[in-house]
Amino acid sequence: MQPDPPAKSGKLKPQVVVLGLVSLLNDSASEMIYPLLPVFLTTTLGASALIVGLIEGAADALASILKFIAGALSDRMTRRRPLITSGYTLAALSRGLIAAAHVWPTVLAARLIDRAGKGIRSAPRDAMIADVTPNEQRGKAFGFHRALDHTGAIVGPLLAMLLLDWLHYGERTVFALSVIPGLIGVFLILAFLKEPPHVPRQARVELAGIAELPPSFWAAISAVALFSLANSSDAFLLLQAHVAGVPTAMLPALWAAHHVIKALFSTRAGALSDRIDRRWLLVVGWTLYAVIYFIFPYAHSMTAFVVLFVVYAIPFTLSEGAERAWIAEHAPAAIRGRSFGYYYLTNGVCVLAGTALFGWIYDRAGHAAAFQVGASLAVVAAAWVLVMRVAGGRSRFA
């Protein structure tokens, strides 16, 4: 087992910085498409709300399964970088397929390829961040990574607006141009990501190994699972805004405003989780998520949606870095990749179930009922974090 590196200063490791920049570029590409996709599917390709939900849920579920396999595999490799590189490459190349789509199954195929790339890269990438970062800085490191990822989610929608409103390109041209930032990110990995080799496990790649993980890890995973059921695809929020009267061209602006808050405060929130019990940030964040979901169906003006999309960023700002650092501190270093694989697998399967449930309720009982069910599940998740007991608060593996 390779020990964690000693903490010498508050400076983040070069690998964390490079991976953050790559995420910025990749998310810029992804978010040029994402705010436009629900409307493109429903108005241009004739898909229903349930189909929109199933496309996003199925794509995320595939990603989660592959995250688990790739995470376990990366524990047996001397370097995690090949998996990270191939994952970002797949995602970059997949986006042009949406530009050529004339039926919704083509979009489904493109999203599956894109999320397959995400599945291959995510657990090895997070394991690398945890490998090179001491425990007392992991909240900050993961928060920094999320901040740059969300910066990309600001840049992407703004680029989409520039191309749509100022240059008068069509949606399909925007989708095609989104390939470029992703490929630049792949170049950065190949040119600048230097990974110190970790000591690989010599055993064969196993898809179980449940007994090797401590009870505190599974307690944390159970809380993540509950919230993931509530955390259905954000495509529904964009679809609801459009149904309530927000023009298609303004949806990228709403999505960019949402990510401004995440980009500005994710690093600070992650660093805060290094100083206090990380679970408090999860409780506050998930409870606020429930409040926003309860309110969302009653918004009917552009001003209301701007406020809601901005405030909606706060739950994730508080919880994203803290959640990943919480998982890392309860994961033995020798199987850290597999531990993040379990985390992402659980998240993806539960998000798929929650998204399908949301879409089904949305189509049959209306948008208000769907949002209220999601809010209720988030309340249950926050309550579970309050009542659960993780022995000692921190793991001996930290």
Protein backbone atom coordinates (compact mmCIF):
# COMPACT_ATOMS: atom_id res chain seq x y z
CA MET A 1 0.00 0.00 0.00
CA GLN A 2 1.40 3.36 -0.94
CA PRO A 3 1.07 6.01 1.82
CA ASP A 4 -0.47 9.38 1.14
CA PRO A 5 2.07 12.15 0.40
CA PRO A 6 2.91 14.41 3.31
CA ALA A 7 1.37 17.85 3.45
CA LYS A 8 4.05 20.47 2.87
CA SER A 9 1.98 23.50 2.04
CA GLY A 10 -1.47 24.59 1.02
CA LYS A 11 -0.49 24.51 -2.65
CA LEU A 12 -2.42 22.07 -4.81
CA LYS A 13 -0.51 19.38 -6.70
CA PRO A 14 0.19 19.94 -10.43
CA GLN A 15 -1.89 16.88 -11.30
CA VAL A 16 -4.93 18.46 -9.61
CA VAL A 17 -4.43 21.68 -11.58
CA VAL A 18 -4.04 19.91 -14.93
CA LEU A 19 -7.07 17.70 -14.33
CA GLY A 20 -9.06 20.77 -13.34
CA LEU A 21 -8.15 22.54 -16.59
CA VAL A 22 -9.05 19.46 -18.61
CA SER A 23 -12.43 19.31 -16.86
CA LEU A 24 -12.95 23.00 -17.64
CA LEU A 25 -12.41 22.37 -21.36
CA ASN A 26 -14.43 19.16 -21.44
CA ASP A 27 -17.33 20.70 -19.57
CA SER A 28 -17.24 23.73 -21.87
CA ALA A 29 -17.82 21.32 -24.75
CA SER A 30 -20.50 19.35 -22.94
CA GLU A 31 -22.41 22.41 -21.75
CA MET A 32 -22.52 23.92 -25.23
CA ILE A 33 -24.94 21.06 -25.90
CA TYR A 34 -26.66 20.23 -22.63
CA PRO A 35 -28.94 23.29 -22.13
CA LEU A 36 -30.21 22.95 -25.70
CA LEU A 37 -30.66 19.19 -25.73
CA PRO A 38 -34.03 18.81 -23.93
CA VAL A 39 -35.71 21.27 -26.30
CA PHE A 40 -33.91 19.78 -29.33
CA LEU A 41 -35.19 16.34 -28.36
CA THR A 42 -38.78 17.38 -27.67
CA THR A 43 -39.35 19.96 -30.41
CA THR A 44 -37.05 18.88 -33.25
CA LEU A 45 -36.96 15.12 -32.75
CA GLY A 46 -40.39 14.63 -31.14
CA ALA A 47 -39.31 12.88 -27.92
CA SER A 48 -41.48 12.90 -24.79
CA ALA A 49 -40.39 14.01 -21.32
CA LEU A 50 -40.09 10.36 -20.33
CA ILE A 51 -37.75 9.71 -23.29
CA VAL A 52 -35.64 12.73 -22.30
CA GLY A 53 -35.35 11.34 -18.80
CA LEU A 54 -34.56 7.82 -19.95
CA ILE A 55 -31.84 9.02 -22.34
CA GLU A 56 -30.10 10.95 -19.58
CA GLY A 57 -30.69 8.25 -16.98
CA ALA A 58 -29.51 5.40 -19.22
CA ALA A 59 -26.40 7.37 -20.19
CA ASP A 60 -25.57 8.10 -16.57
CA ALA A 61 -26.22 4.49 -15.55
CA LEU A 62 -23.79 3.23 -18.21
CA ALA A 63 -21.23 5.75 -17.00
CA SER A 64 -21.63 4.52 -13.44
CA ILE A 65 -21.14 0.86 -14.36
CA LEU A 66 -18.00 1.71 -16.32
CA LYS A 67 -16.74 3.95 -13.50
CA PHE A 68 -16.85 0.94 -11.21
CA ILE A 69 -15.00 -1.33 -13.65
CA ALA A 70 -12.44 1.35 -14.59
CA GLY A 71 -11.85 2.26 -10.95
CA ALA A 72 -11.14 -1.37 -10.03
CA LEU A 73 -8.93 -1.79 -13.09
CA SER A 74 -6.93 1.34 -12.28
CA ASP A 75 -5.99 -0.15 -8.90
CA ARG A 76 -4.17 -2.94 -10.78
CA MET A 77 -2.31 -0.63 -13.14
CA THR A 78 0.92 1.21 -12.38
CA ARG A 79 -0.64 4.36 -13.88
CA ARG A 80 -4.19 5.62 -14.08
CA ARG A 81 -3.49 8.11 -16.88
CA PRO A 82 -4.26 5.78 -19.86
CA LEU A 83 -7.84 5.31 -18.64
CA ILE A 84 -8.25 9.05 -18.05
CA THR A 85 -6.94 9.86 -21.53
CA SER A 86 -9.13 7.34 -23.34
CA GLY A 87 -12.20 8.48 -21.42
CA TYR A 88 -11.81 12.12 -22.36
CA THR A 89 -11.03 11.16 -25.97
CA LEU A 90 -14.24 9.15 -26.33
CA ALA A 91 -16.29 12.02 -24.92
CA ALA A 92 -14.70 14.56 -27.25
CA LEU A 93 -15.35 12.48 -30.35
CA SER A 94 -18.93 11.58 -29.46
CA ARG A 95 -20.47 15.04 -29.60
CA GLY A 96 -20.46 15.49 -33.35
CA LEU A 97 -22.93 12.60 -33.61
CA ILE A 98 -25.66 14.73 -32.04
CA ALA A 99 -25.26 17.29 -34.83
CA ALA A 100 -26.17 14.59 -37.36
CA ALA A 101 -29.14 13.23 -35.38
CA HIS A 102 -32.55 13.13 -37.05
CA VAL A 103 -34.20 10.67 -34.64
CA TRP A 104 -33.89 10.50 -30.87
CA PRO A 105 -32.17 7.05 -30.79
CA THR A 106 -29.16 8.69 -32.47
CA VAL A 107 -28.96 11.14 -29.59
CA LEU A 108 -29.24 8.21 -27.21
CA ALA A 109 -26.27 6.53 -28.93
CA ALA A 110 -24.23 9.74 -28.75
CA ARG A 111 -25.03 10.24 -25.08
CA LEU A 112 -24.11 6.61 -24.32
CA ILE A 113 -20.73 7.06 -26.03
CA ASP A 114 -20.15 10.35 -24.20
CA ARG A 115 -21.05 8.86 -20.84
CA ALA A 116 -18.97 5.77 -21.57
CA GLY A 117 -16.01 8.12 -21.79
CA LYS A 118 -17.04 9.67 -18.50
CA GLY A 119 -17.31 6.22 -16.98
CA ILE A 120 -13.83 5.22 -18.07
CA ARG A 121 -12.13 8.38 -16.76
CA SER A 122 -13.95 9.49 -13.60
CA ALA A 123 -13.00 6.97 -10.89
CA PRO A 124 -9.33 6.77 -11.99
CA ARG A 125 -9.19 10.58 -12.15
CA ASP A 126 -10.66 11.02 -8.67
CA ALA A 127 -8.41 8.26 -7.34
CA MET A 128 -5.39 10.09 -8.81
CA ILE A 129 -6.46 13.32 -7.11
CA ALA A 130 -6.78 11.45 -3.81
CA ASP A 131 -3.44 9.64 -4.42
CA VAL A 132 -1.43 12.84 -4.75
CA THR A 133 -3.30 14.92 -2.13
CA PRO A 134 -3.03 14.52 1.67
CA ASN A 135 -6.30 13.99 3.53
CA GLU A 136 -6.27 17.42 5.14
CA GLN A 137 -6.36 19.03 1.67
CA ARG A 138 -8.67 16.65 -0.18
CA GLY A 139 -11.80 18.71 0.32
CA LYS A 140 -10.00 21.69 -1.17
CA ALA A 141 -8.58 19.62 -4.04
CA PHE A 142 -11.93 18.12 -5.00
CA GLY A 143 -13.60 21.49 -4.53
CA PHE A 144 -11.02 23.10 -6.83
CA HIS A 145 -11.60 20.44 -9.45
CA ARG A 146 -15.36 20.96 -9.26
CA ALA A 147 -14.88 24.74 -9.45
CA LEU A 148 -12.99 24.49 -12.75
CA ASP A 149 -15.50 21.96 -14.03
CA HIS A 150 -18.27 24.46 -13.29
CA THR A 151 -16.27 27.25 -14.89
CA GLY A 152 -16.46 25.20 -18.05
CA ALA A 153 -20.20 24.99 -17.52
CA ILE A 154 -20.26 28.81 -17.64
CA VAL A 155 -18.05 29.09 -20.71
CA GLY A 156 -19.96 26.43 -22.66
CA PRO A 157 -23.43 28.01 -22.52
CA LEU A 158 -21.97 31.46 -23.24
CA LEU A 159 -20.24 30.07 -26.31
CA ALA A 160 -23.54 28.51 -27.37
CA MET A 161 -25.30 31.87 -26.96
CA LEU A 162 -22.56 33.61 -28.96
CA LEU A 163 -22.91 31.13 -31.79
CA LEU A 164 -26.74 31.12 -31.74
CA ASP A 165 -27.59 34.77 -31.09
CA TRP A 166 -24.66 36.75 -32.44
CA LEU A 167 -23.30 34.61 -35.25
CA HIS A 168 -26.69 33.08 -36.05
CA TYR A 169 -25.48 29.52 -36.34
CA GLY A 170 -27.97 26.71 -35.99
CA GLU A 171 -28.15 24.22 -33.12
CA ARG A 172 -26.50 21.49 -35.19
CA THR A 173 -23.49 23.71 -35.94
CA VAL A 174 -23.12 24.46 -32.23
CA PHE A 175 -23.18 20.73 -31.51
CA ALA A 176 -20.48 20.09 -34.13
CA LEU A 177 -18.18 22.86 -32.85
CA SER A 178 -18.38 21.47 -29.31
CA VAL A 179 -15.91 18.77 -30.35
CA ILE A 180 -13.02 21.27 -30.37
CA PRO A 181 -12.64 22.15 -26.63
CA GLY A 182 -12.75 18.46 -25.71
CA LEU A 183 -9.90 17.64 -28.06
CA ILE A 184 -7.82 20.47 -26.61
CA GLY A 185 -8.34 18.91 -23.18
CA VAL A 186 -7.03 15.56 -24.46
CA PHE A 187 -3.91 17.35 -25.71
CA LEU A 188 -3.32 18.83 -22.23
CA ILE A 189 -3.44 15.36 -20.69
CA LEU A 190 -0.96 13.96 -23.18
CA ALA A 191 1.40 16.93 -22.87
CA PHE A 192 1.26 17.93 -19.19
CA LEU A 193 -0.29 15.28 -16.90
CA LYS A 194 2.64 13.63 -15.12
CA GLU A 195 1.50 10.83 -12.85
CA PRO A 196 3.70 9.29 -10.17
CA PRO A 197 3.18 5.52 -10.35
CA HIS A 198 1.25 3.95 -7.51
CA VAL A 199 1.82 0.42 -6.24
CA PRO A 200 -0.73 -1.76 -8.07
CA ARG A 201 -2.62 -4.57 -6.42
CA GLN A 202 -1.38 -7.90 -7.73
CA ALA A 203 -4.68 -9.71 -7.44
CA ARG A 204 -6.97 -10.17 -10.40
CA VAL A 205 -9.55 -7.47 -11.13
CA GLU A 206 -12.57 -8.23 -8.98
CA LEU A 207 -15.98 -6.66 -9.23
CA ALA A 208 -16.85 -7.35 -5.61
CA GLY A 209 -14.39 -7.04 -2.75
CA ILE A 210 -17.15 -5.73 -0.51
CA ALA A 211 -15.57 -7.13 2.63
CA GLU A 212 -12.41 -5.08 2.07
CA LEU A 213 -14.29 -1.81 2.59
CA PRO A 214 -15.11 -0.62 6.13
CA PRO A 215 -18.68 -0.19 7.45
CA SER A 216 -18.18 3.59 7.52
CA PHE A 217 -17.73 3.52 3.73
CA TRP A 218 -21.05 1.73 3.22
CA ALA A 219 -22.80 4.10 5.60
CA ALA A 220 -21.59 7.01 3.47
CA ILE A 221 -22.64 5.21 0.27
CA SER A 222 -26.15 4.63 1.64
CA ALA A 223 -26.61 8.37 2.16
CA VAL A 224 -25.36 9.11 -1.35
CA ALA A 225 -27.81 6.54 -2.73
CA LEU A 226 -30.78 8.20 -1.05
CA PHE A 227 -29.91 11.64 -2.37
CA SER A 228 -29.20 10.27 -5.85
CA LEU A 229 -32.81 9.07 -6.03
CA ALA A 230 -33.86 12.69 -5.52
CA ASN A 231 -31.23 14.11 -7.87
CA SER A 232 -32.95 13.46 -11.21
CA SER A 233 -31.60 14.90 -14.44
CA ASP A 234 -31.30 18.69 -14.60
CA ALA A 235 -32.75 18.40 -18.10
CA PHE A 236 -36.15 18.51 -16.41
CA LEU A 237 -35.40 21.92 -14.89
CA LEU A 238 -34.45 23.29 -18.29
CA LEU A 239 -37.52 21.68 -19.86
CA GLN A 240 -39.77 23.16 -17.17
CA ALA A 241 -38.26 26.63 -17.70
CA HIS A 242 -38.92 26.36 -21.43
CA VAL A 243 -42.50 25.15 -20.90
CA ALA A 244 -43.08 28.10 -18.55
CA GLY A 245 -42.04 30.54 -21.28
CA VAL A 246 -38.25 30.93 -21.24
CA PRO A 247 -37.02 31.19 -24.87
CA THR A 248 -34.67 28.47 -26.13
CA ALA A 249 -31.88 31.01 -26.73
CA MET A 250 -32.02 32.05 -23.05
CA LEU A 251 -31.65 28.55 -21.62
CA PRO A 252 -27.83 28.61 -21.93
CA ALA A 253 -27.82 31.90 -19.96
CA LEU A 254 -29.81 30.30 -17.14
CA TRP A 255 -27.46 27.33 -17.10
CA ALA A 256 -24.39 29.58 -17.09
CA ALA A 257 -25.78 31.63 -14.18
CA HIS A 258 -26.28 28.41 -12.26
CA HIS A 259 -22.63 27.45 -12.69
CA VAL A 260 -21.22 30.87 -11.79
CA ILE A 261 -21.96 30.19 -8.12
CA LYS A 262 -20.46 26.71 -8.30
CA ALA A 263 -17.31 28.03 -9.96
CA LEU A 264 -16.87 30.85 -7.44
CA PHE A 265 -17.44 28.92 -4.22
CA SER A 266 -16.77 25.19 -4.75
CA THR A 267 -13.10 25.44 -3.73
CA ARG A 268 -13.97 27.36 -0.55
CA ALA A 269 -16.76 24.96 0.36
CA GLY A 270 -14.46 22.00 -0.21
CA ALA A 271 -11.78 23.60 1.97
CA LEU A 272 -14.41 24.25 4.66
CA SER A 273 -15.19 20.52 4.70
CA ASP A 274 -11.53 19.92 5.64
CA ARG A 275 -12.09 21.91 8.84
CA ILE A 276 -15.52 20.72 10.00
CA ASP A 277 -17.49 17.49 9.85
CA ARG A 278 -18.20 17.08 6.14
CA ARG A 279 -21.64 15.65 6.89
CA TRP A 280 -22.95 19.03 8.00
CA LEU A 281 -22.36 20.44 4.52
CA LEU A 282 -24.28 17.51 3.05
CA VAL A 283 -27.22 18.02 5.41
CA VAL A 284 -27.45 21.74 4.69
CA GLY A 285 -26.95 21.30 0.95
CA TRP A 286 -29.45 18.49 0.51
CA THR A 287 -32.07 20.25 2.63
CA LEU A 288 -31.74 23.40 0.53
CA TYR A 289 -32.07 21.23 -2.59
CA ALA A 290 -35.43 19.99 -1.25
CA VAL A 291 -36.64 23.54 -0.62
CA ILE A 292 -35.75 24.61 -4.17
CA TYR A 293 -37.48 21.59 -5.67
CA PHE A 294 -40.64 22.40 -3.71
CA ILE A 295 -40.60 25.96 -5.07
CA PHE A 296 -39.56 25.28 -8.67
CA PRO A 297 -42.99 24.33 -10.14
CA TYR A 298 -44.42 27.69 -9.08
CA ALA A 299 -41.96 29.85 -11.05
CA HIS A 300 -43.49 31.61 -14.07
CA SER A 301 -41.21 34.54 -14.91
CA MET A 302 -37.69 34.95 -16.26
CA THR A 303 -36.64 36.70 -13.05
CA ALA A 304 -37.91 33.81 -10.93
CA PHE A 305 -36.05 31.26 -13.01
CA VAL A 306 -32.81 33.27 -12.86
CA VAL A 307 -33.05 33.38 -9.07
CA LEU A 308 -33.92 29.69 -8.81
CA PHE A 309 -31.13 28.54 -11.12
CA VAL A 310 -28.60 30.62 -9.18
CA VAL A 311 -29.80 29.41 -5.78
CA TYR A 312 -29.99 25.84 -7.11
CA ALA A 313 -26.19 25.92 -7.42
CA ILE A 314 -25.71 26.30 -3.66
CA PRO A 315 -26.62 22.71 -2.64
CA PHE A 316 -24.04 21.32 -5.04
CA THR A 317 -21.43 23.93 -4.11
CA LEU A 318 -21.73 22.78 -0.51
CA SER A 319 -21.85 19.05 -1.14
CA GLU A 320 -19.83 18.04 -4.20
CA GLY A 321 -16.29 18.45 -2.88
CA ALA A 322 -17.29 17.36 0.62
CA GLU A 323 -19.04 14.25 -0.70
CA ARG A 324 -16.01 13.03 -2.68
CA ALA A 325 -13.60 13.80 0.15
CA TRP A 326 -15.95 11.96 2.55
CA ILE A 327 -15.82 8.88 0.33
CA ALA A 328 -12.02 9.11 0.00
CA GLU A 329 -11.42 9.28 3.75
CA HIS A 330 -13.32 6.01 4.27
CA ALA A 331 -11.58 4.17 1.41
CA PRO A 332 -8.36 2.14 1.86
CA ALA A 333 -5.63 3.58 -0.36
CA ALA A 334 -4.95 0.23 -2.05
CA ILE A 335 -8.50 0.01 -3.43
CA ARG A 336 -9.26 3.69 -3.78
CA GLY A 337 -10.12 3.39 -7.48
CA ARG A 338 -12.61 0.63 -6.78
CA SER A 339 -14.07 2.63 -3.89
CA PHE A 340 -14.81 5.56 -6.19
CA GLY A 341 -16.19 3.02 -8.64
CA TYR A 342 -18.71 1.87 -6.02
CA TYR A 343 -19.55 5.49 -5.30
CA TYR A 344 -20.23 6.31 -8.95
CA LEU A 345 -22.06 3.04 -9.58
CA THR A 346 -24.42 3.67 -6.70
CA ASN A 347 -24.93 7.27 -7.77
CA GLY A 348 -25.65 6.37 -11.39
CA VAL A 349 -28.06 3.52 -10.75
CA CYS A 350 -30.04 5.59 -8.25
CA VAL A 351 -30.05 8.66 -10.52
CA LEU A 352 -31.39 6.46 -13.33
CA ALA A 353 -34.18 5.18 -11.08
CA GLY A 354 -34.92 8.70 -9.80
CA THR A 355 -34.88 10.19 -13.30
CA ALA A 356 -37.21 7.52 -14.69
CA LEU A 357 -39.54 8.04 -11.73
CA PHE A 358 -39.50 11.82 -12.24
CA GLY A 359 -40.22 11.50 -15.97
CA TRP A 360 -43.05 9.03 -15.35
CA ILE A 361 -44.68 11.29 -12.74
CA TYR A 362 -44.08 14.38 -14.92
CA ASP A 363 -45.97 12.80 -17.85
CA ARG A 364 -48.84 11.35 -15.80
CA ALA A 365 -49.37 13.54 -12.75
CA GLY A 366 -47.78 16.83 -13.81
CA HIS A 367 -44.61 18.73 -13.12
CA ALA A 368 -45.57 19.85 -9.61
CA ALA A 369 -46.01 16.29 -8.36
CA ALA A 370 -42.68 15.22 -9.88
CA PHE A 371 -40.77 18.05 -8.20
CA GLN A 372 -42.49 17.40 -4.87
CA VAL A 373 -41.51 13.73 -4.91
CA GLY A 374 -37.90 14.71 -5.64
CA ALA A 375 -37.94 17.20 -2.79
CA SER A 376 -39.30 14.61 -0.38
CA LEU A 377 -36.55 12.14 -1.26
CA ALA A 378 -33.90 14.81 -0.63
CA VAL A 379 -35.37 15.47 2.82
CA VAL A 380 -35.12 11.74 3.60
CA ALA A 381 -31.47 11.71 2.48
CA ALA A 382 -30.58 14.70 4.68
CA ALA A 383 -32.39 13.12 7.63
CA TRP A 384 -30.47 9.88 7.13
CA VAL A 385 -27.14 11.71 7.33
CA LEU A 386 -28.29 13.27 10.60
CA VAL A 387 -29.19 9.95 12.22
CA MET A 388 -26.42 7.75 10.86
CA ARG A 389 -23.39 7.13 12.98
CA VAL A 390 -19.97 6.86 11.36
CA ALA A 391 -17.59 5.67 14.06
CA GLY A 392 -15.06 8.34 14.97
CA GLY A 393 -16.13 10.65 12.12
CA ARG A 394 -12.95 9.87 10.18
CA SER A 395 -11.53 6.62 8.92
CA ARG A 396 -8.17 5.12 9.86
CA PHE A 397 -7.47 4.94 6.12
CA ALA A 398 -7.55 8.75 5.66
